[in-house]
Amino acid sequence: MRTRLSRHDRKSEILAHAREAFQRRGFANTEMEDIRKACGISRGGLYHHFANKVAILDAIAGEDVERLAESLTRRDCPPIELLVETGSIHIGNDPGILPALESVEEKIAYLSGFELASARRLGPLLGARLAGWVAPGIDPEHVAEMFLTINSHINRRVCLGDWNEARAAGFAATALKTLATVLRDASRLAPIIAALEERERAQ
């Protein structure tokens, strides 16, 4: 007999199976029926939670943002450093679902969901966490907005094929150097910037 899950747990289960299917087969080659079978639920059960694959992809983007938000619970580390170390693929982090997305439409769908979730979830949280880490006279919410805007720009340039990894790493290094000027203590960003510059030179 199948265990009855809460709405939250059922959605999490669907997303876990969908993520695995997308990464294994590719987004375009995965059908809703594939996800339904992997979950072992009825069609009605699946469509009760998600109308289509794009809705699932949007929810996966939200999960990815939530993972970044959870990293900000560490109070002993500057929040900008935490987000870069947790989420930046330019210093070797897991690219997640991105390699499974091939068409421009698929990539834009994911990026749009990620950016919206970032604005709603990460923006206020990062602004609050930056209090005490920014230089006197600097609004932490402005710094949070700058960071997220820069991050979105890099993501779009890379995912849509405008930049290679070297160009993205170089831009990220320059952006972090600029952000460092508005932080109280940016010394812990130095090794991250150095690693990005090394990746730029290596390619």
N, C-alpha and C. Protein backbone atom coordinates (compact mmCIF):
# COMPACT_ATOMS: atom_id res chain seq x y z
N MET A 1 0.85 -1.20 0.00
CA MET A 1 0.00 0.00 0.00
C MET A 1 0.88 1.24 0.00
N ARG A 2 0.58 2.19 -0.87
CA ARG A 2 1.40 3.39 -0.99
C ARG A 2 1.16 4.34 0.17
N THR A 3 2.25 4.86 0.73
CA THR A 3 2.14 5.79 1.85
C THR A 3 1.51 7.10 1.39
N ARG A 4 0.57 7.59 2.16
CA ARG A 4 -0.08 8.87 1.84
C ARG A 4 0.82 10.00 2.33
N LEU A 5 1.24 10.84 1.41
CA LEU A 5 2.14 11.94 1.75
C LEU A 5 1.38 13.26 1.87
N SER A 6 1.96 14.19 2.61
CA SER A 6 1.39 15.52 2.66
C SER A 6 1.56 16.19 1.29
N ARG A 7 0.83 17.24 1.04
CA ARG A 7 0.94 17.95 -0.24
C ARG A 7 2.38 18.39 -0.50
N HIS A 8 3.03 18.93 0.53
CA HIS A 8 4.42 19.39 0.38
C HIS A 8 5.35 18.24 0.05
N ASP A 9 5.21 17.13 0.78
CA ASP A 9 6.09 15.98 0.55
C ASP A 9 5.84 15.35 -0.81
N ARG A 10 4.57 15.32 -1.25
CA ARG A 10 4.28 14.75 -2.57
C ARG A 10 4.91 15.61 -3.67
N LYS A 11 4.80 16.92 -3.53
CA LYS A 11 5.41 17.81 -4.53
C LYS A 11 6.93 17.63 -4.54
N SER A 12 7.52 17.49 -3.38
CA SER A 12 8.97 17.29 -3.30
C SER A 12 9.37 15.99 -3.97
N GLU A 13 8.54 14.94 -3.77
CA GLU A 13 8.83 13.65 -4.40
C GLU A 13 8.74 13.77 -5.92
N ILE A 14 7.71 14.42 -6.41
CA ILE A 14 7.55 14.61 -7.86
C ILE A 14 8.75 15.36 -8.43
N LEU A 15 9.15 16.42 -7.75
CA LEU A 15 10.27 17.22 -8.25
C LEU A 15 11.58 16.43 -8.24
N ALA A 16 11.77 15.59 -7.24
CA ALA A 16 12.99 14.78 -7.18
C ALA A 16 13.04 13.81 -8.36
N HIS A 17 11.91 13.16 -8.66
CA HIS A 17 11.86 12.23 -9.80
C HIS A 17 12.00 12.98 -11.12
N ALA A 18 11.37 14.14 -11.20
CA ALA A 18 11.44 14.93 -12.44
C ALA A 18 12.87 15.41 -12.68
N ARG A 19 13.51 15.88 -11.65
CA ARG A 19 14.89 16.36 -11.77
C ARG A 19 15.79 15.22 -12.28
N GLU A 20 15.62 14.05 -11.70
CA GLU A 20 16.44 12.90 -12.10
C GLU A 20 16.16 12.54 -13.56
N ALA A 21 14.89 12.57 -13.95
CA ALA A 21 14.52 12.22 -15.32
C ALA A 21 15.06 13.25 -16.31
N PHE A 22 14.96 14.52 -15.98
CA PHE A 22 15.48 15.56 -16.86
C PHE A 22 16.99 15.42 -17.05
N GLN A 23 17.68 15.14 -15.95
CA GLN A 23 19.14 15.04 -16.03
C GLN A 23 19.57 13.79 -16.79
N ARG A 24 18.78 12.74 -16.72
CA ARG A 24 19.14 11.48 -17.38
C ARG A 24 18.73 11.47 -18.86
N ARG A 25 17.54 11.99 -19.16
CA ARG A 25 17.00 11.90 -20.52
C ARG A 25 17.01 13.22 -21.27
N GLY A 26 17.18 14.33 -20.53
CA GLY A 26 17.02 15.65 -21.14
C GLY A 26 15.60 16.13 -20.95
N PHE A 27 15.42 17.41 -20.84
CA PHE A 27 14.09 17.98 -20.61
C PHE A 27 13.14 17.65 -21.77
N ALA A 28 13.62 17.86 -23.00
CA ALA A 28 12.76 17.67 -24.17
C ALA A 28 12.33 16.21 -24.34
N ASN A 29 13.17 15.29 -23.93
CA ASN A 29 12.89 13.87 -24.12
C ASN A 29 12.13 13.23 -22.96
N THR A 30 11.81 14.02 -21.96
CA THR A 30 11.05 13.52 -20.81
C THR A 30 9.61 13.98 -20.92
N GLU A 31 8.69 13.05 -20.79
CA GLU A 31 7.26 13.37 -20.84
C GLU A 31 6.68 13.35 -19.43
N MET A 32 5.54 13.98 -19.29
CA MET A 32 4.84 13.95 -18.00
C MET A 32 4.55 12.51 -17.58
N GLU A 33 4.27 11.65 -18.57
CA GLU A 33 3.99 10.25 -18.26
C GLU A 33 5.20 9.56 -17.67
N ASP A 34 6.41 9.93 -18.12
CA ASP A 34 7.63 9.36 -17.56
C ASP A 34 7.75 9.72 -16.08
N ILE A 35 7.44 10.96 -15.78
CA ILE A 35 7.52 11.44 -14.39
C ILE A 35 6.45 10.74 -13.55
N ARG A 36 5.26 10.62 -14.10
CA ARG A 36 4.17 9.97 -13.37
C ARG A 36 4.53 8.54 -13.01
N LYS A 37 5.07 7.80 -13.99
CA LYS A 37 5.43 6.41 -13.74
C LYS A 37 6.54 6.30 -12.69
N ALA A 38 7.51 7.21 -12.77
CA ALA A 38 8.61 7.18 -11.80
C ALA A 38 8.09 7.42 -10.38
N CYS A 39 7.06 8.24 -10.27
CA CYS A 39 6.49 8.54 -8.96
C CYS A 39 5.51 7.47 -8.49
N GLY A 40 4.97 6.71 -9.45
CA GLY A 40 3.99 5.69 -9.09
C GLY A 40 2.67 6.27 -8.64
N ILE A 41 2.25 7.37 -9.26
CA ILE A 41 0.99 8.00 -8.89
C ILE A 41 0.09 8.08 -10.12
N SER A 42 -1.16 8.43 -9.91
CA SER A 42 -2.11 8.54 -11.01
C SER A 42 -1.86 9.82 -11.80
N ARG A 43 -2.43 9.86 -13.01
CA ARG A 43 -2.32 11.09 -13.81
C ARG A 43 -2.96 12.26 -13.07
N GLY A 44 -4.11 11.99 -12.47
CA GLY A 44 -4.77 13.05 -11.71
C GLY A 44 -3.92 13.54 -10.55
N GLY A 45 -3.20 12.60 -9.92
CA GLY A 45 -2.33 12.97 -8.81
C GLY A 45 -1.20 13.87 -9.26
N LEU A 46 -0.64 13.57 -10.44
CA LEU A 46 0.45 14.40 -10.96
C LEU A 46 -0.05 15.77 -11.38
N TYR A 47 -1.14 15.78 -12.17
CA TYR A 47 -1.64 17.06 -12.70
C TYR A 47 -2.32 17.90 -11.62
N HIS A 48 -2.64 17.31 -10.51
CA HIS A 48 -3.16 18.08 -9.38
C HIS A 48 -2.09 19.04 -8.86
N HIS A 49 -0.84 18.62 -8.98
CA HIS A 49 0.26 19.45 -8.48
C HIS A 49 0.91 20.30 -9.57
N PHE A 50 1.03 19.75 -10.78
CA PHE A 50 1.72 20.46 -11.85
C PHE A 50 0.98 20.30 -13.17
N ALA A 51 0.71 21.40 -13.82
CA ALA A 51 -0.06 21.37 -15.06
C ALA A 51 0.76 20.85 -16.24
N ASN A 52 2.08 21.05 -16.20
CA ASN A 52 2.92 20.64 -17.33
C ASN A 52 4.40 20.64 -16.90
N LYS A 53 5.27 20.31 -17.86
CA LYS A 53 6.70 20.23 -17.54
C LYS A 53 7.29 21.59 -17.20
N VAL A 54 6.79 22.64 -17.83
CA VAL A 54 7.31 23.98 -17.55
C VAL A 54 7.02 24.37 -16.10
N ALA A 55 5.84 24.00 -15.61
CA ALA A 55 5.51 24.27 -14.21
C ALA A 55 6.44 23.50 -13.28
N ILE A 56 6.79 22.28 -13.67
CA ILE A 56 7.73 21.48 -12.88
C ILE A 56 9.11 22.13 -12.90
N LEU A 57 9.54 22.58 -14.08
CA LEU A 57 10.85 23.24 -14.20
C LEU A 57 10.90 24.50 -13.36
N ASP A 58 9.81 25.24 -13.34
CA ASP A 58 9.72 26.46 -12.53
C ASP A 58 9.87 26.12 -11.05
N ALA A 59 9.24 25.03 -10.63
CA ALA A 59 9.33 24.61 -9.22
C ALA A 59 10.74 24.12 -8.89
N ILE A 60 11.41 23.48 -9.83
CA ILE A 60 12.79 23.06 -9.62
C ILE A 60 13.69 24.28 -9.44
N ALA A 61 13.45 25.31 -10.25
CA ALA A 61 14.20 26.56 -10.09
C ALA A 61 13.99 27.14 -8.69
N GLY A 62 12.75 27.06 -8.22
CA GLY A 62 12.46 27.53 -6.86
C GLY A 62 13.20 26.74 -5.81
N GLU A 63 13.31 25.42 -6.00
CA GLU A 63 14.08 24.59 -5.07
C GLU A 63 15.55 24.99 -5.07
N ASP A 64 16.09 25.29 -6.25
CA ASP A 64 17.50 25.68 -6.35
C ASP A 64 17.75 26.99 -5.60
N VAL A 65 16.80 27.91 -5.71
CA VAL A 65 16.92 29.17 -4.97
C VAL A 65 16.82 28.91 -3.47
N GLU A 66 15.93 28.02 -3.08
CA GLU A 66 15.77 27.71 -1.65
C GLU A 66 17.05 27.12 -1.07
N ARG A 67 17.75 26.31 -1.86
CA ARG A 67 19.03 25.76 -1.40
C ARG A 67 20.03 26.89 -1.12
N LEU A 68 20.04 27.89 -1.98
CA LEU A 68 20.92 29.04 -1.75
C LEU A 68 20.48 29.82 -0.51
N ALA A 69 19.18 29.95 -0.34
CA ALA A 69 18.67 30.66 0.83
C ALA A 69 19.08 29.95 2.11
N GLU A 70 19.04 28.62 2.09
CA GLU A 70 19.43 27.85 3.28
C GLU A 70 20.90 28.06 3.63
N SER A 71 21.73 28.31 2.62
CA SER A 71 23.15 28.53 2.89
C SER A 71 23.37 29.81 3.69
N LEU A 72 22.43 30.74 3.60
CA LEU A 72 22.57 32.01 4.31
C LEU A 72 22.29 31.89 5.81
N THR A 73 21.88 30.70 6.26
CA THR A 73 21.65 30.53 7.69
C THR A 73 22.96 30.47 8.47
N ARG A 74 24.08 30.26 7.77
CA ARG A 74 25.39 30.28 8.43
C ARG A 74 25.76 31.72 8.76
N ARG A 75 25.76 32.05 10.03
CA ARG A 75 25.98 33.43 10.46
C ARG A 75 27.46 33.79 10.60
N ASP A 76 28.32 32.79 10.51
CA ASP A 76 29.74 33.04 10.75
C ASP A 76 30.49 33.44 9.49
N CYS A 77 29.80 33.53 8.37
CA CYS A 77 30.47 33.76 7.08
C CYS A 77 29.76 34.89 6.33
N PRO A 78 30.50 35.76 5.65
CA PRO A 78 29.87 36.83 4.87
C PRO A 78 28.90 36.27 3.85
N PRO A 79 27.70 36.85 3.73
CA PRO A 79 26.67 36.27 2.87
C PRO A 79 27.03 36.24 1.38
N ILE A 80 27.74 37.24 0.89
CA ILE A 80 28.13 37.23 -0.53
C ILE A 80 29.04 36.03 -0.79
N GLU A 81 29.99 35.81 0.08
CA GLU A 81 30.89 34.67 -0.06
C GLU A 81 30.12 33.36 -0.03
N LEU A 82 29.16 33.25 0.86
CA LEU A 82 28.38 32.02 0.97
C LEU A 82 27.64 31.71 -0.32
N LEU A 83 27.00 32.73 -0.91
CA LEU A 83 26.24 32.50 -2.12
C LEU A 83 27.14 32.14 -3.30
N VAL A 84 28.28 32.80 -3.40
CA VAL A 84 29.20 32.48 -4.50
C VAL A 84 29.73 31.06 -4.35
N GLU A 85 30.14 30.70 -3.14
CA GLU A 85 30.71 29.37 -2.92
C GLU A 85 29.67 28.27 -3.07
N THR A 86 28.42 28.58 -2.76
CA THR A 86 27.36 27.57 -2.85
C THR A 86 26.82 27.42 -4.26
N GLY A 87 26.68 28.56 -4.96
CA GLY A 87 25.95 28.52 -6.22
C GLY A 87 26.70 28.75 -7.51
N SER A 88 27.92 29.26 -7.45
CA SER A 88 28.60 29.61 -8.68
C SER A 88 29.23 28.39 -9.36
N ILE A 89 28.77 28.10 -10.59
CA ILE A 89 29.37 27.00 -11.33
C ILE A 89 30.74 27.39 -11.87
N HIS A 90 31.06 28.69 -11.81
CA HIS A 90 32.32 29.16 -12.37
C HIS A 90 33.51 28.85 -11.47
N ILE A 91 33.24 28.35 -10.27
CA ILE A 91 34.35 27.89 -9.42
C ILE A 91 34.17 26.41 -9.10
N GLY A 92 33.45 25.72 -9.98
CA GLY A 92 33.39 24.26 -9.88
C GLY A 92 32.16 23.67 -9.23
N ASN A 93 31.13 24.48 -8.92
CA ASN A 93 29.93 23.92 -8.31
C ASN A 93 29.10 23.15 -9.32
N ASP A 94 28.26 22.25 -8.81
CA ASP A 94 27.38 21.43 -9.63
C ASP A 94 26.44 22.33 -10.45
N PRO A 95 26.40 22.17 -11.79
CA PRO A 95 25.51 23.00 -12.60
C PRO A 95 24.04 22.62 -12.48
N GLY A 96 23.76 21.53 -11.76
CA GLY A 96 22.37 21.15 -11.53
C GLY A 96 21.63 20.75 -12.79
N ILE A 97 20.48 21.33 -13.01
CA ILE A 97 19.59 20.95 -14.10
C ILE A 97 20.02 21.55 -15.44
N LEU A 98 20.88 22.54 -15.42
CA LEU A 98 21.20 23.29 -16.65
C LEU A 98 21.67 22.43 -17.82
N PRO A 99 22.53 21.43 -17.63
CA PRO A 99 22.96 20.63 -18.77
C PRO A 99 21.83 19.85 -19.45
N ALA A 100 20.72 19.67 -18.75
CA ALA A 100 19.58 18.94 -19.32
C ALA A 100 18.72 19.82 -20.21
N LEU A 101 18.99 21.12 -20.21
CA LEU A 101 18.19 22.06 -20.99
C LEU A 101 18.94 22.39 -22.28
N GLU A 102 18.30 22.18 -23.42
CA GLU A 102 18.98 22.37 -24.70
C GLU A 102 18.48 23.57 -25.48
N SER A 103 17.19 23.75 -25.60
CA SER A 103 16.67 24.84 -26.42
C SER A 103 16.71 26.16 -25.65
N VAL A 104 16.70 27.24 -26.41
CA VAL A 104 16.66 28.57 -25.80
C VAL A 104 15.41 28.72 -24.94
N GLU A 105 14.29 28.18 -25.43
CA GLU A 105 13.03 28.30 -24.69
C GLU A 105 13.10 27.61 -23.33
N GLU A 106 13.71 26.43 -23.30
CA GLU A 106 13.86 25.70 -22.04
C GLU A 106 14.73 26.49 -21.06
N LYS A 107 15.82 27.01 -21.56
CA LYS A 107 16.74 27.75 -20.71
C LYS A 107 16.11 29.03 -20.17
N ILE A 108 15.38 29.73 -21.02
CA ILE A 108 14.72 30.96 -20.59
C ILE A 108 13.65 30.64 -19.54
N ALA A 109 12.93 29.52 -19.74
CA ALA A 109 11.91 29.13 -18.76
C ALA A 109 12.53 28.91 -17.39
N TYR A 110 13.66 28.19 -17.36
CA TYR A 110 14.33 27.94 -16.08
C TYR A 110 14.86 29.25 -15.48
N LEU A 111 15.55 30.03 -16.29
CA LEU A 111 16.15 31.27 -15.79
C LEU A 111 15.09 32.24 -15.27
N SER A 112 13.95 32.31 -15.95
CA SER A 112 12.88 33.20 -15.50
C SER A 112 12.35 32.77 -14.14
N GLY A 113 12.16 31.46 -13.98
CA GLY A 113 11.71 30.96 -12.68
C GLY A 113 12.74 31.21 -11.59
N PHE A 114 14.01 31.01 -11.93
CA PHE A 114 15.08 31.21 -10.96
C PHE A 114 15.16 32.68 -10.55
N GLU A 115 15.07 33.58 -11.53
CA GLU A 115 15.18 35.00 -11.23
C GLU A 115 14.00 35.49 -10.40
N LEU A 116 12.81 35.03 -10.71
CA LEU A 116 11.63 35.44 -9.94
C LEU A 116 11.73 34.94 -8.50
N ALA A 117 12.11 33.67 -8.34
CA ALA A 117 12.26 33.13 -6.98
C ALA A 117 13.38 33.85 -6.23
N SER A 118 14.45 34.20 -6.93
CA SER A 118 15.56 34.92 -6.30
C SER A 118 15.10 36.28 -5.78
N ALA A 119 14.33 36.99 -6.62
CA ALA A 119 13.85 38.31 -6.22
C ALA A 119 12.94 38.23 -5.00
N ARG A 120 12.09 37.20 -4.98
CA ARG A 120 11.12 37.10 -3.89
C ARG A 120 11.72 36.51 -2.61
N ARG A 121 12.60 35.53 -2.77
CA ARG A 121 13.13 34.81 -1.61
C ARG A 121 14.51 35.30 -1.19
N LEU A 122 15.43 35.34 -2.16
CA LEU A 122 16.81 35.69 -1.81
C LEU A 122 16.99 37.18 -1.56
N GLY A 123 16.30 38.02 -2.34
CA GLY A 123 16.49 39.47 -2.22
C GLY A 123 16.31 39.98 -0.79
N PRO A 124 15.13 39.78 -0.20
CA PRO A 124 14.92 40.27 1.18
C PRO A 124 15.85 39.58 2.19
N LEU A 125 16.07 38.28 2.01
CA LEU A 125 16.91 37.55 2.95
C LEU A 125 18.36 38.03 2.88
N LEU A 126 18.88 38.19 1.66
CA LEU A 126 20.25 38.66 1.50
C LEU A 126 20.41 40.08 2.02
N GLY A 127 19.42 40.93 1.75
CA GLY A 127 19.48 42.30 2.26
C GLY A 127 19.58 42.34 3.77
N ALA A 128 18.77 41.50 4.43
CA ALA A 128 18.79 41.43 5.89
C ALA A 128 20.12 40.89 6.40
N ARG A 129 20.65 39.87 5.72
CA ARG A 129 21.91 39.25 6.16
C ARG A 129 23.11 40.15 5.93
N LEU A 130 23.01 41.06 4.96
CA LEU A 130 24.15 41.94 4.67
C LEU A 130 24.30 43.06 5.69
N ALA A 131 23.27 43.29 6.49
CA ALA A 131 23.38 44.31 7.54
C ALA A 131 24.53 43.93 8.46
N GLY A 132 25.45 44.83 8.64
CA GLY A 132 26.63 44.55 9.45
C GLY A 132 27.84 44.14 8.63
N TRP A 133 27.61 43.75 7.38
CA TRP A 133 28.71 43.34 6.50
C TRP A 133 29.06 44.42 5.48
N VAL A 134 28.18 45.41 5.31
CA VAL A 134 28.47 46.46 4.34
C VAL A 134 29.13 47.65 5.00
N ALA A 135 29.79 48.48 4.19
CA ALA A 135 30.48 49.66 4.71
C ALA A 135 29.47 50.67 5.23
N PRO A 136 29.90 51.53 6.15
CA PRO A 136 29.00 52.56 6.69
C PRO A 136 28.42 53.43 5.57
N GLY A 137 27.13 53.74 5.70
CA GLY A 137 26.48 54.59 4.72
C GLY A 137 25.96 53.86 3.49
N ILE A 138 26.19 52.56 3.42
CA ILE A 138 25.74 51.76 2.27
C ILE A 138 24.48 50.99 2.65
N ASP A 139 23.47 51.07 1.81
CA ASP A 139 22.21 50.35 2.05
C ASP A 139 22.40 48.87 1.69
N PRO A 140 22.27 47.95 2.65
CA PRO A 140 22.47 46.52 2.36
C PRO A 140 21.49 45.97 1.33
N GLU A 141 20.28 46.53 1.29
CA GLU A 141 19.31 46.06 0.30
C GLU A 141 19.76 46.41 -1.12
N HIS A 142 20.42 47.55 -1.28
CA HIS A 142 20.94 47.93 -2.59
C HIS A 142 22.05 46.97 -3.02
N VAL A 143 22.90 46.59 -2.09
CA VAL A 143 23.98 45.66 -2.39
C VAL A 143 23.41 44.30 -2.78
N ALA A 144 22.37 43.87 -2.06
CA ALA A 144 21.72 42.60 -2.39
C ALA A 144 21.15 42.63 -3.80
N GLU A 145 20.50 43.74 -4.15
CA GLU A 145 19.92 43.89 -5.49
C GLU A 145 21.01 43.89 -6.55
N MET A 146 22.11 44.55 -6.28
CA MET A 146 23.23 44.57 -7.23
C MET A 146 23.77 43.16 -7.46
N PHE A 147 23.95 42.42 -6.37
CA PHE A 147 24.51 41.07 -6.48
C PHE A 147 23.59 40.17 -7.31
N LEU A 148 22.30 40.20 -7.01
CA LEU A 148 21.36 39.34 -7.73
C LEU A 148 21.23 39.74 -9.20
N THR A 149 21.30 41.03 -9.48
CA THR A 149 21.24 41.51 -10.86
C THR A 149 22.45 41.02 -11.65
N ILE A 150 23.62 41.14 -11.05
CA ILE A 150 24.85 40.68 -11.70
C ILE A 150 24.79 39.17 -11.92
N ASN A 151 24.33 38.45 -10.92
CA ASN A 151 24.24 37.00 -11.03
C ASN A 151 23.30 36.58 -12.16
N SER A 152 22.16 37.25 -12.25
CA SER A 152 21.21 36.94 -13.31
C SER A 152 21.81 37.22 -14.69
N HIS A 153 22.56 38.32 -14.78
CA HIS A 153 23.18 38.67 -16.06
C HIS A 153 24.18 37.60 -16.50
N ILE A 154 25.01 37.15 -15.57
CA ILE A 154 25.99 36.10 -15.89
C ILE A 154 25.29 34.82 -16.30
N ASN A 155 24.27 34.43 -15.53
CA ASN A 155 23.53 33.20 -15.85
C ASN A 155 22.96 33.24 -17.26
N ARG A 156 22.34 34.34 -17.62
CA ARG A 156 21.72 34.45 -18.94
C ARG A 156 22.77 34.43 -20.05
N ARG A 157 23.86 35.15 -19.85
CA ARG A 157 24.90 35.18 -20.87
C ARG A 157 25.49 33.79 -21.13
N VAL A 158 25.71 33.04 -20.05
CA VAL A 158 26.29 31.70 -20.19
C VAL A 158 25.27 30.72 -20.77
N CYS A 159 24.08 30.68 -20.18
CA CYS A 159 23.08 29.70 -20.58
C CYS A 159 22.62 29.90 -22.02
N LEU A 160 22.60 31.14 -22.48
CA LEU A 160 22.14 31.40 -23.85
C LEU A 160 23.28 31.38 -24.85
N GLY A 161 24.49 31.03 -24.38
CA GLY A 161 25.60 30.83 -25.29
C GLY A 161 26.36 32.08 -25.69
N ASP A 162 26.09 33.21 -25.04
CA ASP A 162 26.79 34.44 -25.38
C ASP A 162 28.22 34.47 -24.83
N TRP A 163 28.41 33.84 -23.68
CA TRP A 163 29.73 33.81 -23.03
C TRP A 163 30.15 32.37 -22.80
N ASN A 164 31.46 32.12 -22.91
CA ASN A 164 32.00 30.84 -22.46
C ASN A 164 32.34 30.96 -20.97
N GLU A 165 32.79 29.88 -20.38
CA GLU A 165 33.05 29.86 -18.95
C GLU A 165 34.17 30.83 -18.56
N ALA A 166 35.16 30.98 -19.45
CA ALA A 166 36.27 31.88 -19.15
C ALA A 166 35.79 33.32 -19.06
N ARG A 167 34.97 33.73 -20.03
CA ARG A 167 34.45 35.10 -20.02
C ARG A 167 33.58 35.33 -18.79
N ALA A 168 32.76 34.34 -18.45
CA ALA A 168 31.89 34.47 -17.28
C ALA A 168 32.71 34.58 -16.00
N ALA A 169 33.76 33.75 -15.89
CA ALA A 169 34.60 33.79 -14.70
C ALA A 169 35.30 35.15 -14.57
N GLY A 170 35.78 35.67 -15.69
CA GLY A 170 36.44 36.97 -15.66
C GLY A 170 35.49 38.09 -15.25
N PHE A 171 34.28 38.05 -15.80
CA PHE A 171 33.29 39.07 -15.44
C PHE A 171 32.91 38.96 -13.97
N ALA A 172 32.73 37.72 -13.51
CA ALA A 172 32.37 37.50 -12.10
C ALA A 172 33.47 38.04 -11.18
N ALA A 173 34.73 37.84 -11.57
CA ALA A 173 35.85 38.35 -10.76
C ALA A 173 35.80 39.88 -10.69
N THR A 174 35.56 40.52 -11.83
CA THR A 174 35.47 41.98 -11.85
C THR A 174 34.30 42.47 -11.02
N ALA A 175 33.16 41.78 -11.13
CA ALA A 175 31.98 42.17 -10.37
C ALA A 175 32.23 42.06 -8.87
N LEU A 176 32.90 40.99 -8.45
CA LEU A 176 33.19 40.82 -7.02
C LEU A 176 34.18 41.87 -6.53
N LYS A 177 35.13 42.25 -7.36
CA LYS A 177 36.05 43.32 -6.97
C LYS A 177 35.28 44.63 -6.75
N THR A 178 34.31 44.89 -7.60
CA THR A 178 33.49 46.10 -7.46
C THR A 178 32.64 46.04 -6.20
N LEU A 179 32.01 44.89 -5.97
CA LEU A 179 31.20 44.73 -4.76
C LEU A 179 32.05 44.82 -3.50
N ALA A 180 33.29 44.39 -3.60
CA ALA A 180 34.19 44.42 -2.43
C ALA A 180 34.36 45.83 -1.89
N THR A 181 34.21 46.83 -2.76
CA THR A 181 34.43 48.22 -2.32
C THR A 181 33.31 48.72 -1.40
N VAL A 182 32.18 48.03 -1.37
CA VAL A 182 31.08 48.47 -0.51
C VAL A 182 30.91 47.56 0.70
N LEU A 183 31.83 46.62 0.89
CA LEU A 183 31.76 45.72 2.03
C LEU A 183 32.70 46.18 3.14
N ARG A 184 32.34 45.86 4.35
CA ARG A 184 33.17 46.22 5.50
C ARG A 184 34.53 45.52 5.46
N ASP A 185 34.49 44.25 5.15
CA ASP A 185 35.71 43.45 5.07
C ASP A 185 35.55 42.46 3.93
N ALA A 186 36.29 42.69 2.87
CA ALA A 186 36.17 41.83 1.69
C ALA A 186 37.34 40.86 1.56
N SER A 187 38.11 40.70 2.63
CA SER A 187 39.33 39.87 2.54
C SER A 187 39.01 38.42 2.18
N ARG A 188 37.84 37.91 2.62
CA ARG A 188 37.52 36.51 2.35
C ARG A 188 37.06 36.29 0.92
N LEU A 189 36.82 37.39 0.18
CA LEU A 189 36.49 37.25 -1.23
C LEU A 189 37.75 37.09 -2.08
N ALA A 190 38.90 37.47 -1.54
CA ALA A 190 40.13 37.46 -2.31
C ALA A 190 40.45 36.09 -2.94
N PRO A 191 40.38 34.98 -2.18
CA PRO A 191 40.68 33.69 -2.82
C PRO A 191 39.66 33.28 -3.87
N ILE A 192 38.40 33.69 -3.70
CA ILE A 192 37.38 33.39 -4.70
C ILE A 192 37.68 34.16 -5.99
N ILE A 193 38.03 35.42 -5.84
CA ILE A 193 38.37 36.24 -7.01
C ILE A 193 39.59 35.65 -7.72
N ALA A 194 40.57 35.24 -6.94
CA ALA A 194 41.78 34.64 -7.52
C ALA A 194 41.44 33.37 -8.29
N ALA A 195 40.55 32.55 -7.75
CA ALA A 195 40.15 31.31 -8.42
C ALA A 195 39.42 31.60 -9.72
N LEU A 196 38.57 32.62 -9.71
CA LEU A 196 37.86 33.01 -10.93
C LEU A 196 38.83 33.51 -12.00
N GLU A 197 39.79 34.32 -11.59
CA GLU A 197 40.77 34.85 -12.53
C GLU A 197 41.64 33.72 -13.10
N GLU A 198 41.93 32.72 -12.28
CA GLU A 198 42.70 31.57 -12.76
C GLU A 198 41.91 30.79 -13.80
N ARG A 199 40.60 30.63 -13.57
CA ARG A 199 39.76 29.94 -14.55
C ARG A 199 39.67 30.73 -15.84
N GLU A 200 39.68 32.04 -15.73
CA GLU A 200 39.65 32.88 -16.94
C GLU A 200 40.92 32.68 -17.75
N ARG A 201 42.07 32.63 -17.09
CA ARG A 201 43.35 32.49 -17.78
C ARG A 201 43.54 31.09 -18.36
N ALA A 202 42.93 30.09 -17.70
CA ALA A 202 43.17 28.70 -18.09
C ALA A 202 42.45 28.30 -19.36
N GLN A 203 41.47 29.08 -19.80
CA GLN A 203 40.67 28.67 -20.97
C GLN A 203 41.00 29.54 -22.19
